[in-house]
Amino acid sequence: MAANERIAEIISTLGSGSAGNNDLSRASTPGGGWRDVDGRANGESSIEDDNPSRSRPRTFPYFKYLPYDTEQQTEREANLDVCLKYLYVAVSAADFAPGAVHWTRELRGWLSLKFDLPRETRVKLVKLYYELALAPGLDFVVAERFASMVMVLTK
């Protein structure tokens, strides 16, 4: 029963949302020496396009060179909040397979699109998935998926 209480405690911290937090993780952004189209080096920015939501620039400006418009940051965060909400519901209901596994897959897909996950949310998710991976009584395949998510979030 202590494991369930610990998981509930970690899940309750996820409810604080991610929309207001600009402290983003650098986990998927190694450095680089590329130059932008206007000749600025990686990390240099002008006043008009300064992005305060990142503490370090991306290796490659993915959104800038796509041949189509992408979602705004607020829409991306709203989509993330939907995934987190349903993950919370699934874990709260102890619906690990297929519920939490499905929303873990959705979250992994969101991350694979190179969207920035706020650092605070990333830390909370790492703690949640770590506890889920070690929770007694889970099927081996489900626990392995949760452990894999820990690795994705901490890389």
Protein backbone atom coordinates (compact mmCIF):
# COMPACT_ATOMS: atom_id res chain seq x y z
CA MET A 1 0.00 0.00 0.00
CA ALA A 2 2.94 2.35 0.59
CA ALA A 3 3.89 2.17 -3.09
CA ASN A 4 0.39 3.29 -4.10
CA GLU A 5 0.53 6.20 -1.68
CA ARG A 6 3.94 7.25 -3.04
CA ILE A 7 2.67 7.10 -6.62
CA ALA A 8 -0.40 9.14 -5.64
CA GLU A 9 1.85 11.74 -4.02
CA ILE A 10 3.99 12.07 -7.15
CA ILE A 11 0.95 12.22 -9.41
CA SER A 12 -0.58 14.98 -7.34
CA THR A 13 2.45 17.16 -8.02
CA LEU A 14 1.83 16.80 -11.78
CA GLY A 15 -1.49 18.61 -11.42
CA SER A 16 0.28 21.96 -11.08
CA GLY A 17 0.49 22.20 -14.92
CA SER A 18 3.26 23.29 -17.21
CA ALA A 19 1.89 26.37 -18.93
CA GLY A 20 3.46 28.96 -16.65
CA ASN A 21 6.91 27.45 -16.31
CA ASN A 22 9.63 28.66 -18.66
CA ASP A 23 12.45 26.68 -17.07
CA LEU A 24 12.98 24.08 -19.79
CA SER A 25 15.13 21.01 -19.76
CA ARG A 26 18.21 20.70 -21.94
CA ALA A 27 18.08 16.92 -22.02
CA SER A 28 17.69 16.55 -25.80
CA THR A 29 19.74 19.54 -26.89
CA PRO A 30 23.46 18.92 -27.21
CA GLY A 31 25.64 21.85 -28.22
CA GLY A 32 26.64 22.63 -31.77
CA GLY A 33 28.69 25.02 -33.82
CA TRP A 34 26.22 25.74 -36.63
CA ARG A 35 25.55 29.22 -37.90
CA ASP A 36 22.10 30.58 -38.56
CA VAL A 37 20.99 31.92 -41.97
CA ASP A 38 21.84 35.48 -40.96
CA GLY A 39 25.34 34.46 -39.83
CA ARG A 40 24.75 34.38 -36.08
CA ALA A 41 26.51 31.57 -34.23
CA ASN A 42 24.68 29.00 -32.14
CA GLY A 43 23.52 30.73 -28.98
CA GLU A 44 23.59 34.28 -30.29
CA SER A 45 20.23 35.95 -30.62
CA SER A 46 18.87 39.29 -31.63
CA ILE A 47 16.47 41.30 -29.48
CA GLU A 48 13.40 40.67 -31.67
CA ASP A 49 13.62 36.85 -31.78
CA ASP A 50 15.06 36.14 -28.35
CA ASN A 51 13.37 33.04 -26.94
CA PRO A 52 13.32 33.25 -23.13
CA SER A 53 11.69 29.82 -22.84
CA ARG A 54 14.96 28.02 -23.51
CA SER A 55 18.00 28.24 -21.32
CA ARG A 56 20.19 26.99 -24.18
CA PRO A 57 19.50 27.02 -27.93
CA ARG A 58 18.64 23.92 -29.90
CA THR A 59 21.26 22.22 -32.00
CA PHE A 60 19.21 22.94 -35.11
CA PRO A 61 16.29 25.40 -35.36
CA TYR A 62 13.74 22.77 -36.43
CA PHE A 63 10.64 24.97 -36.50
CA LYS A 64 12.29 27.73 -38.53
CA TYR A 65 13.14 25.54 -41.54
CA LEU A 66 9.98 23.49 -41.81
CA PRO A 67 8.00 24.20 -45.00
CA TYR A 68 4.84 24.81 -42.98
CA ASP A 69 3.74 26.69 -39.87
CA THR A 70 3.90 24.87 -36.56
CA GLU A 71 1.81 25.20 -33.43
CA GLN A 72 2.46 28.01 -31.04
CA GLN A 73 4.07 27.22 -27.69
CA THR A 74 0.74 27.65 -25.89
CA GLU A 75 -0.95 25.06 -28.13
CA ARG A 76 1.93 22.61 -27.63
CA GLU A 77 1.68 23.04 -23.86
CA ALA A 78 -2.10 22.57 -24.00
CA ASN A 79 -1.57 19.27 -25.84
CA LEU A 80 1.02 18.24 -23.25
CA ASP A 81 -1.43 19.07 -20.46
CA VAL A 82 -4.05 16.80 -22.07
CA CYS A 83 -1.58 13.91 -22.14
CA LEU A 84 -0.58 14.55 -18.52
CA LYS A 85 -4.21 14.81 -17.41
CA TYR A 86 -5.15 11.45 -18.89
CA LEU A 87 -1.93 9.88 -17.62
CA TYR A 88 -2.91 11.13 -14.15
CA VAL A 89 -6.40 9.64 -14.50
CA ALA A 90 -5.04 6.29 -15.68
CA VAL A 91 -2.46 5.98 -12.92
CA SER A 92 -4.91 7.18 -10.26
CA ALA A 93 -7.34 4.49 -11.35
CA ALA A 94 -4.51 1.89 -11.36
CA ASP A 95 -5.18 1.37 -15.06
CA PHE A 96 -1.58 0.68 -15.99
CA ALA A 97 -2.26 -1.44 -19.05
CA PRO A 98 -3.63 -0.21 -21.39
CA GLY A 99 -4.36 3.24 -19.85
CA ALA A 100 -1.02 4.49 -18.53
CA VAL A 101 0.87 2.63 -21.26
CA HIS A 102 -1.20 4.39 -23.93
CA TRP A 103 -0.62 7.85 -22.47
CA THR A 104 3.06 7.06 -22.03
CA ARG A 105 3.18 6.28 -25.75
CA GLU A 106 1.40 9.57 -26.51
CA LEU A 107 3.85 11.48 -24.33
CA ARG A 108 6.79 9.77 -26.02
CA GLY A 109 5.36 10.80 -29.40
CA TRP A 110 5.02 14.38 -28.19
CA LEU A 111 8.66 14.35 -27.11
CA SER A 112 9.78 12.84 -30.43
CA LEU A 113 8.43 15.93 -32.19
CA LYS A 114 11.27 17.88 -30.49
CA PHE A 115 8.91 19.92 -28.35
CA ASP A 116 10.42 21.39 -25.21
CA LEU A 117 9.27 19.79 -21.98
CA PRO A 118 9.47 22.19 -19.03
CA ARG A 119 12.19 21.11 -16.62
CA GLU A 120 9.87 20.97 -13.60
CA THR A 121 7.44 18.71 -15.47
CA ARG A 122 10.31 16.52 -16.70
CA VAL A 123 11.58 16.03 -13.15
CA LYS A 124 8.12 15.12 -11.88
CA LEU A 125 7.60 12.66 -14.73
CA VAL A 126 10.97 11.02 -14.08
CA LYS A 127 10.01 10.52 -10.44
CA LEU A 128 6.60 9.15 -11.42
CA TYR A 129 7.92 6.72 -14.02
CA TYR A 130 10.72 5.59 -11.71
CA GLU A 131 8.19 4.75 -9.00
CA LEU A 132 5.93 3.03 -11.54
CA ALA A 133 8.79 0.97 -12.95
CA LEU A 134 9.64 -0.32 -9.48
CA ALA A 135 6.05 -0.74 -8.27
CA PRO A 136 5.35 -4.27 -7.09
CA GLY A 137 2.76 -6.35 -8.90
CA LEU A 138 3.07 -4.76 -12.33
CA ASP A 139 3.43 -6.91 -15.40
CA PHE A 140 7.05 -7.14 -16.58
CA VAL A 141 6.29 -5.61 -20.00
CA VAL A 142 4.47 -2.65 -18.44
CA ALA A 143 7.26 -2.04 -15.91
CA GLU A 144 9.81 -2.21 -18.73
CA ARG A 145 7.92 0.49 -20.67
CA PHE A 146 7.91 2.74 -17.61
CA ALA A 147 11.64 2.13 -17.07
CA SER A 148 12.24 2.95 -20.73
CA MET A 149 10.41 6.22 -20.25
CA VAL A 150 12.73 7.05 -17.33
CA MET A 151 15.66 6.60 -19.71
CA VAL A 152 14.06 8.81 -22.38
CA LEU A 153 13.33 11.58 -19.89
CA THR A 154 16.80 11.50 -18.30
CA LYS A 155 18.94 11.33 -21.41
